[in-house]
Amino acid sequence: MNIVLLHGVLSREPEIRELPSGDHVASFDLTVRDDGYDTDVVPVSWHDAPVTTLDRLEPGGELIVTGRVRRRFFRAGGATQSRTEVVATAVVPTRQAKGVAKALEAALATGEEWLVG
């Protein structure tokens, strides 16, 4: 099972790229603090993100992100490199309580299907 739940602060404006397939992907970093001591910056990619949601995301804003971990490989400068990132299924500002609850329920349902299945 590969389920990720993050609560953190948007570190930078999302970058939107168009893939050769014509799909769009938004990339951003989420700063996550653990017990106030450890800080991690987690790269997140969000495929076909709704533009209305992206327009409301501002650096410094608190977000809940659900998704999965992915490691991808690519060639750069003649060498094979890799990047580990979170592929988001939902990105919700924490101030939107109903949206947060819905995203968490969907992530938990995925876990329950695996446990019961």
N, C-alpha and C. Protein backbone atom coordinates (compact mmCIF):
# COMPACT_ATOMS: atom_id res chain seq x y z
N MET A 1 0.85 -1.16 0.00
CA MET A 1 0.00 0.00 0.00
C MET A 1 0.90 1.23 0.00
N ASN A 2 0.56 2.21 -0.80
CA ASN A 2 1.36 3.42 -0.95
C ASN A 2 0.43 4.61 -0.77
N ILE A 3 0.26 5.06 0.46
CA ILE A 3 -0.61 6.19 0.77
C ILE A 3 0.20 7.22 1.56
N VAL A 4 0.10 8.47 1.13
CA VAL A 4 0.82 9.56 1.79
C VAL A 4 -0.19 10.60 2.26
N LEU A 5 0.02 11.10 3.47
CA LEU A 5 -0.76 12.21 4.01
C LEU A 5 0.23 13.22 4.57
N LEU A 6 0.21 14.43 4.03
CA LEU A 6 1.12 15.49 4.48
C LEU A 6 0.33 16.70 4.95
N HIS A 7 0.85 17.34 5.99
CA HIS A 7 0.32 18.61 6.45
C HIS A 7 1.51 19.55 6.54
N GLY A 8 1.47 20.62 5.77
CA GLY A 8 2.61 21.51 5.76
C GLY A 8 2.29 22.86 5.17
N VAL A 9 3.35 23.59 4.86
CA VAL A 9 3.24 24.95 4.35
C VAL A 9 3.82 24.98 2.93
N LEU A 10 3.09 25.62 2.03
CA LEU A 10 3.55 25.77 0.65
C LEU A 10 4.80 26.62 0.63
N SER A 11 5.91 26.06 0.13
CA SER A 11 7.20 26.74 0.15
C SER A 11 7.40 27.72 -0.99
N ARG A 12 6.77 27.44 -2.12
CA ARG A 12 6.95 28.30 -3.30
C ARG A 12 5.74 28.18 -4.20
N GLU A 13 5.60 29.15 -5.09
CA GLU A 13 4.50 29.12 -6.06
C GLU A 13 4.55 27.84 -6.88
N PRO A 14 3.41 27.23 -7.15
CA PRO A 14 3.41 26.05 -8.03
C PRO A 14 3.87 26.42 -9.44
N GLU A 15 4.70 25.55 -10.03
CA GLU A 15 5.10 25.70 -11.43
C GLU A 15 4.22 24.76 -12.25
N ILE A 16 3.67 25.28 -13.34
CA ILE A 16 2.81 24.45 -14.18
C ILE A 16 3.53 24.20 -15.49
N ARG A 17 3.65 22.90 -15.85
CA ARG A 17 4.30 22.51 -17.10
C ARG A 17 3.33 21.71 -17.94
N GLU A 18 3.51 21.82 -19.25
CA GLU A 18 2.74 20.99 -20.17
C GLU A 18 3.62 19.84 -20.63
N LEU A 19 3.12 18.64 -20.49
CA LEU A 19 3.85 17.44 -20.89
C LEU A 19 3.67 17.20 -22.38
N PRO A 20 4.55 16.40 -23.01
CA PRO A 20 4.40 16.11 -24.43
C PRO A 20 3.03 15.52 -24.78
N SER A 21 2.40 14.86 -23.81
CA SER A 21 1.08 14.26 -24.03
C SER A 21 -0.02 15.31 -24.07
N GLY A 22 0.30 16.54 -23.66
CA GLY A 22 -0.71 17.60 -23.59
C GLY A 22 -1.28 17.77 -22.19
N ASP A 23 -1.00 16.82 -21.31
CA ASP A 23 -1.44 16.94 -19.92
C ASP A 23 -0.63 18.03 -19.22
N HIS A 24 -1.19 18.54 -18.12
CA HIS A 24 -0.50 19.55 -17.33
C HIS A 24 -0.15 18.97 -15.96
N VAL A 25 0.98 19.40 -15.42
CA VAL A 25 1.40 18.98 -14.09
C VAL A 25 1.89 20.21 -13.33
N ALA A 26 1.41 20.33 -12.09
CA ALA A 26 1.87 21.40 -11.20
C ALA A 26 2.89 20.81 -10.25
N SER A 27 3.99 21.51 -10.07
CA SER A 27 5.04 21.07 -9.15
C SER A 27 5.26 22.14 -8.10
N PHE A 28 5.39 21.70 -6.84
CA PHE A 28 5.66 22.64 -5.76
C PHE A 28 6.32 21.90 -4.62
N ASP A 29 6.83 22.66 -3.66
CA ASP A 29 7.46 22.09 -2.48
C ASP A 29 6.58 22.37 -1.26
N LEU A 30 6.47 21.39 -0.39
CA LEU A 30 5.72 21.52 0.85
C LEU A 30 6.69 21.36 2.01
N THR A 31 6.74 22.34 2.90
CA THR A 31 7.61 22.27 4.07
C THR A 31 6.80 21.65 5.20
N VAL A 32 7.30 20.52 5.71
CA VAL A 32 6.61 19.75 6.75
C VAL A 32 7.46 19.76 8.00
N ARG A 33 6.86 20.14 9.12
CA ARG A 33 7.56 20.14 10.40
C ARG A 33 7.04 18.99 11.25
N ASP A 34 7.96 18.25 11.84
CA ASP A 34 7.61 17.10 12.67
C ASP A 34 7.92 17.44 14.13
N ASP A 35 6.90 17.56 14.94
CA ASP A 35 7.05 17.88 16.37
C ASP A 35 7.83 19.17 16.60
N GLY A 36 7.86 20.04 15.61
CA GLY A 36 8.54 21.31 15.77
C GLY A 36 10.05 21.25 15.71
N TYR A 37 10.62 20.06 15.55
CA TYR A 37 12.09 19.93 15.56
C TYR A 37 12.65 19.66 14.17
N ASP A 38 12.13 18.64 13.51
CA ASP A 38 12.64 18.29 12.18
C ASP A 38 11.81 18.99 11.11
N THR A 39 12.48 19.45 10.08
CA THR A 39 11.80 20.09 8.96
C THR A 39 12.24 19.39 7.68
N ASP A 40 11.26 19.00 6.88
CA ASP A 40 11.54 18.39 5.58
C ASP A 40 10.84 19.20 4.50
N VAL A 41 11.50 19.33 3.37
CA VAL A 41 10.88 19.94 2.21
C VAL A 41 10.59 18.80 1.24
N VAL A 42 9.31 18.61 0.96
CA VAL A 42 8.85 17.48 0.16
C VAL A 42 8.41 17.98 -1.22
N PRO A 43 9.03 17.48 -2.29
CA PRO A 43 8.57 17.85 -3.63
C PRO A 43 7.26 17.13 -3.95
N VAL A 44 6.30 17.88 -4.51
CA VAL A 44 4.98 17.35 -4.84
C VAL A 44 4.69 17.65 -6.30
N SER A 45 4.14 16.66 -7.00
CA SER A 45 3.63 16.90 -8.36
C SER A 45 2.14 16.56 -8.36
N TRP A 46 1.37 17.36 -9.08
CA TRP A 46 -0.08 17.20 -9.10
C TRP A 46 -0.53 17.26 -10.55
N HIS A 47 -0.91 16.12 -11.08
CA HIS A 47 -1.30 16.02 -12.49
C HIS A 47 -2.74 16.49 -12.68
N ASP A 48 -2.95 17.26 -13.74
CA ASP A 48 -4.27 17.79 -14.09
C ASP A 48 -4.94 18.48 -12.91
N ALA A 49 -4.16 19.28 -12.20
CA ALA A 49 -4.68 20.04 -11.05
C ALA A 49 -5.68 21.08 -11.53
N PRO A 50 -6.79 21.24 -10.81
CA PRO A 50 -7.77 22.26 -11.20
C PRO A 50 -7.17 23.67 -11.10
N VAL A 51 -7.30 24.44 -12.15
CA VAL A 51 -6.72 25.78 -12.20
C VAL A 51 -7.33 26.65 -11.09
N THR A 52 -8.61 26.46 -10.78
CA THR A 52 -9.25 27.26 -9.74
C THR A 52 -8.59 27.03 -8.38
N THR A 53 -8.16 25.81 -8.12
CA THR A 53 -7.48 25.51 -6.86
C THR A 53 -6.06 26.07 -6.88
N LEU A 54 -5.35 25.89 -7.99
CA LEU A 54 -3.98 26.40 -8.09
C LEU A 54 -3.93 27.91 -7.91
N ASP A 55 -4.92 28.61 -8.41
CA ASP A 55 -4.94 30.07 -8.30
C ASP A 55 -5.05 30.53 -6.85
N ARG A 56 -5.60 29.68 -5.97
CA ARG A 56 -5.78 30.05 -4.57
C ARG A 56 -4.60 29.65 -3.69
N LEU A 57 -3.63 28.93 -4.23
CA LEU A 57 -2.49 28.49 -3.43
C LEU A 57 -1.44 29.59 -3.37
N GLU A 58 -1.08 29.98 -2.15
CA GLU A 58 -0.08 31.03 -1.96
C GLU A 58 1.03 30.52 -1.06
N PRO A 59 2.28 30.89 -1.37
CA PRO A 59 3.38 30.51 -0.48
C PRO A 59 3.08 30.94 0.96
N GLY A 60 3.37 30.05 1.90
CA GLY A 60 3.09 30.31 3.30
C GLY A 60 1.75 29.76 3.75
N GLY A 61 0.90 29.36 2.79
CA GLY A 61 -0.40 28.80 3.13
C GLY A 61 -0.28 27.36 3.59
N GLU A 62 -1.11 26.99 4.58
CA GLU A 62 -1.10 25.62 5.09
C GLU A 62 -1.95 24.72 4.20
N LEU A 63 -1.40 23.53 3.90
CA LEU A 63 -2.09 22.60 3.01
C LEU A 63 -2.12 21.19 3.60
N ILE A 64 -3.12 20.44 3.19
CA ILE A 64 -3.17 19.00 3.37
C ILE A 64 -2.99 18.40 1.98
N VAL A 65 -2.07 17.45 1.84
CA VAL A 65 -1.82 16.77 0.57
C VAL A 65 -1.97 15.27 0.80
N THR A 66 -2.79 14.63 -0.04
CA THR A 66 -2.86 13.17 -0.03
C THR A 66 -2.36 12.67 -1.37
N GLY A 67 -1.79 11.49 -1.38
CA GLY A 67 -1.27 10.94 -2.63
C GLY A 67 -0.44 9.70 -2.38
N ARG A 68 0.60 9.53 -3.22
CA ARG A 68 1.47 8.37 -3.13
C ARG A 68 2.91 8.79 -3.43
N VAL A 69 3.86 7.99 -2.97
CA VAL A 69 5.27 8.25 -3.22
C VAL A 69 5.66 7.62 -4.54
N ARG A 70 6.45 8.34 -5.32
CA ARG A 70 6.95 7.80 -6.59
C ARG A 70 8.41 8.21 -6.75
N ARG A 71 9.19 7.28 -7.25
CA ARG A 71 10.57 7.57 -7.62
C ARG A 71 10.66 7.45 -9.13
N ARG A 72 11.08 8.51 -9.77
CA ARG A 72 11.17 8.48 -11.24
C ARG A 72 12.62 8.66 -11.66
N PHE A 73 12.95 8.08 -12.78
CA PHE A 73 14.30 8.13 -13.33
C PHE A 73 14.28 8.92 -14.63
N PHE A 74 15.36 9.67 -14.87
CA PHE A 74 15.46 10.45 -16.09
C PHE A 74 16.93 10.67 -16.43
N ARG A 75 17.18 11.02 -17.69
CA ARG A 75 18.54 11.28 -18.14
C ARG A 75 18.78 12.79 -18.13
N ALA A 76 19.90 13.19 -17.54
CA ALA A 76 20.28 14.60 -17.53
C ALA A 76 21.80 14.68 -17.58
N GLY A 77 22.30 15.45 -18.51
CA GLY A 77 23.75 15.61 -18.64
C GLY A 77 24.47 14.31 -18.93
N GLY A 78 23.80 13.40 -19.64
CA GLY A 78 24.42 12.13 -20.00
C GLY A 78 24.42 11.09 -18.90
N ALA A 79 23.80 11.40 -17.77
CA ALA A 79 23.75 10.44 -16.66
C ALA A 79 22.30 10.18 -16.26
N THR A 80 22.06 9.01 -15.71
CA THR A 80 20.73 8.69 -15.20
C THR A 80 20.62 9.22 -13.78
N GLN A 81 19.57 9.97 -13.53
CA GLN A 81 19.32 10.53 -12.21
C GLN A 81 17.93 10.10 -11.75
N SER A 82 17.65 10.30 -10.47
CA SER A 82 16.33 9.96 -9.96
C SER A 82 15.83 11.05 -9.03
N ARG A 83 14.54 11.05 -8.83
CA ARG A 83 13.89 12.01 -7.93
C ARG A 83 12.74 11.29 -7.24
N THR A 84 12.67 11.44 -5.94
CA THR A 84 11.56 10.90 -5.18
C THR A 84 10.62 12.04 -4.86
N GLU A 85 9.33 11.85 -5.15
CA GLU A 85 8.36 12.91 -4.95
C GLU A 85 7.03 12.31 -4.54
N VAL A 86 6.14 13.15 -4.10
CA VAL A 86 4.77 12.74 -3.80
C VAL A 86 3.92 13.13 -5.00
N VAL A 87 3.16 12.17 -5.52
CA VAL A 87 2.19 12.44 -6.58
C VAL A 87 0.85 12.67 -5.88
N ALA A 88 0.36 13.89 -5.93
CA ALA A 88 -0.84 14.26 -5.18
C ALA A 88 -2.11 13.77 -5.87
N THR A 89 -3.04 13.30 -5.05
CA THR A 89 -4.40 13.02 -5.53
C THR A 89 -5.34 14.12 -5.08
N ALA A 90 -5.00 14.78 -3.96
CA ALA A 90 -5.79 15.92 -3.46
C ALA A 90 -4.85 16.91 -2.77
N VAL A 91 -5.10 18.19 -3.00
CA VAL A 91 -4.38 19.28 -2.33
C VAL A 91 -5.45 20.25 -1.85
N VAL A 92 -5.51 20.44 -0.52
CA VAL A 92 -6.58 21.26 0.05
C VAL A 92 -5.99 22.22 1.08
N PRO A 93 -6.30 23.52 0.96
CA PRO A 93 -5.90 24.45 2.02
C PRO A 93 -6.59 24.05 3.33
N THR A 94 -5.88 24.10 4.43
CA THR A 94 -6.44 23.65 5.71
C THR A 94 -7.64 24.50 6.14
N ARG A 95 -7.76 25.71 5.63
CA ARG A 95 -8.89 26.56 6.01
C ARG A 95 -10.21 26.07 5.41
N GLN A 96 -10.15 25.13 4.46
CA GLN A 96 -11.35 24.55 3.85
C GLN A 96 -11.68 23.23 4.55
N ALA A 97 -12.32 23.31 5.69
CA ALA A 97 -12.56 22.14 6.54
C ALA A 97 -13.27 21.01 5.81
N LYS A 98 -14.29 21.33 5.01
CA LYS A 98 -15.03 20.28 4.30
C LYS A 98 -14.15 19.58 3.28
N GLY A 99 -13.33 20.34 2.58
CA GLY A 99 -12.42 19.76 1.60
C GLY A 99 -11.37 18.87 2.24
N VAL A 100 -10.86 19.30 3.40
CA VAL A 100 -9.88 18.50 4.13
C VAL A 100 -10.52 17.18 4.56
N ALA A 101 -11.72 17.25 5.12
CA ALA A 101 -12.42 16.04 5.57
C ALA A 101 -12.64 15.08 4.40
N LYS A 102 -13.03 15.60 3.27
CA LYS A 102 -13.27 14.76 2.08
C LYS A 102 -11.98 14.09 1.61
N ALA A 103 -10.87 14.84 1.56
CA ALA A 103 -9.59 14.28 1.13
C ALA A 103 -9.11 13.19 2.08
N LEU A 104 -9.27 13.43 3.39
CA LEU A 104 -8.86 12.42 4.37
C LEU A 104 -9.72 11.17 4.28
N GLU A 105 -11.02 11.34 4.11
CA GLU A 105 -11.91 10.18 3.97
C GLU A 105 -11.53 9.34 2.75
N ALA A 106 -11.22 9.99 1.64
CA ALA A 106 -10.83 9.26 0.43
C ALA A 106 -9.53 8.48 0.65
N ALA A 107 -8.56 9.11 1.32
CA ALA A 107 -7.28 8.42 1.59
C ALA A 107 -7.49 7.25 2.53
N LEU A 108 -8.31 7.44 3.57
CA LEU A 108 -8.59 6.35 4.51
C LEU A 108 -9.36 5.21 3.85
N ALA A 109 -10.25 5.55 2.94
CA ALA A 109 -11.01 4.51 2.24
C ALA A 109 -10.08 3.63 1.41
N THR A 110 -9.05 4.23 0.82
CA THR A 110 -8.07 3.46 0.06
C THR A 110 -7.37 2.47 0.98
N GLY A 111 -6.99 2.92 2.17
CA GLY A 111 -6.33 2.05 3.13
C GLY A 111 -7.26 0.94 3.62
N GLU A 112 -8.53 1.28 3.86
CA GLU A 112 -9.49 0.27 4.33
C GLU A 112 -9.72 -0.81 3.28
N GLU A 113 -9.79 -0.40 2.00
CA GLU A 113 -9.96 -1.39 0.92
C GLU A 113 -8.84 -2.39 0.93
N TRP A 114 -7.63 -1.90 1.16
CA TRP A 114 -6.47 -2.80 1.18
C TRP A 114 -6.52 -3.71 2.38
N LEU A 115 -6.87 -3.18 3.55
CA LEU A 115 -6.90 -3.97 4.77
C LEU A 115 -7.99 -5.03 4.74
N VAL A 116 -9.17 -4.66 4.25
CA VAL A 116 -10.31 -5.57 4.23
C VAL A 116 -10.21 -6.54 3.06
N GLY A 117 -9.80 -5.98 1.89
CA GLY A 117 -9.77 -6.70 0.62
C GLY A 117 -9.14 -8.01 0.68
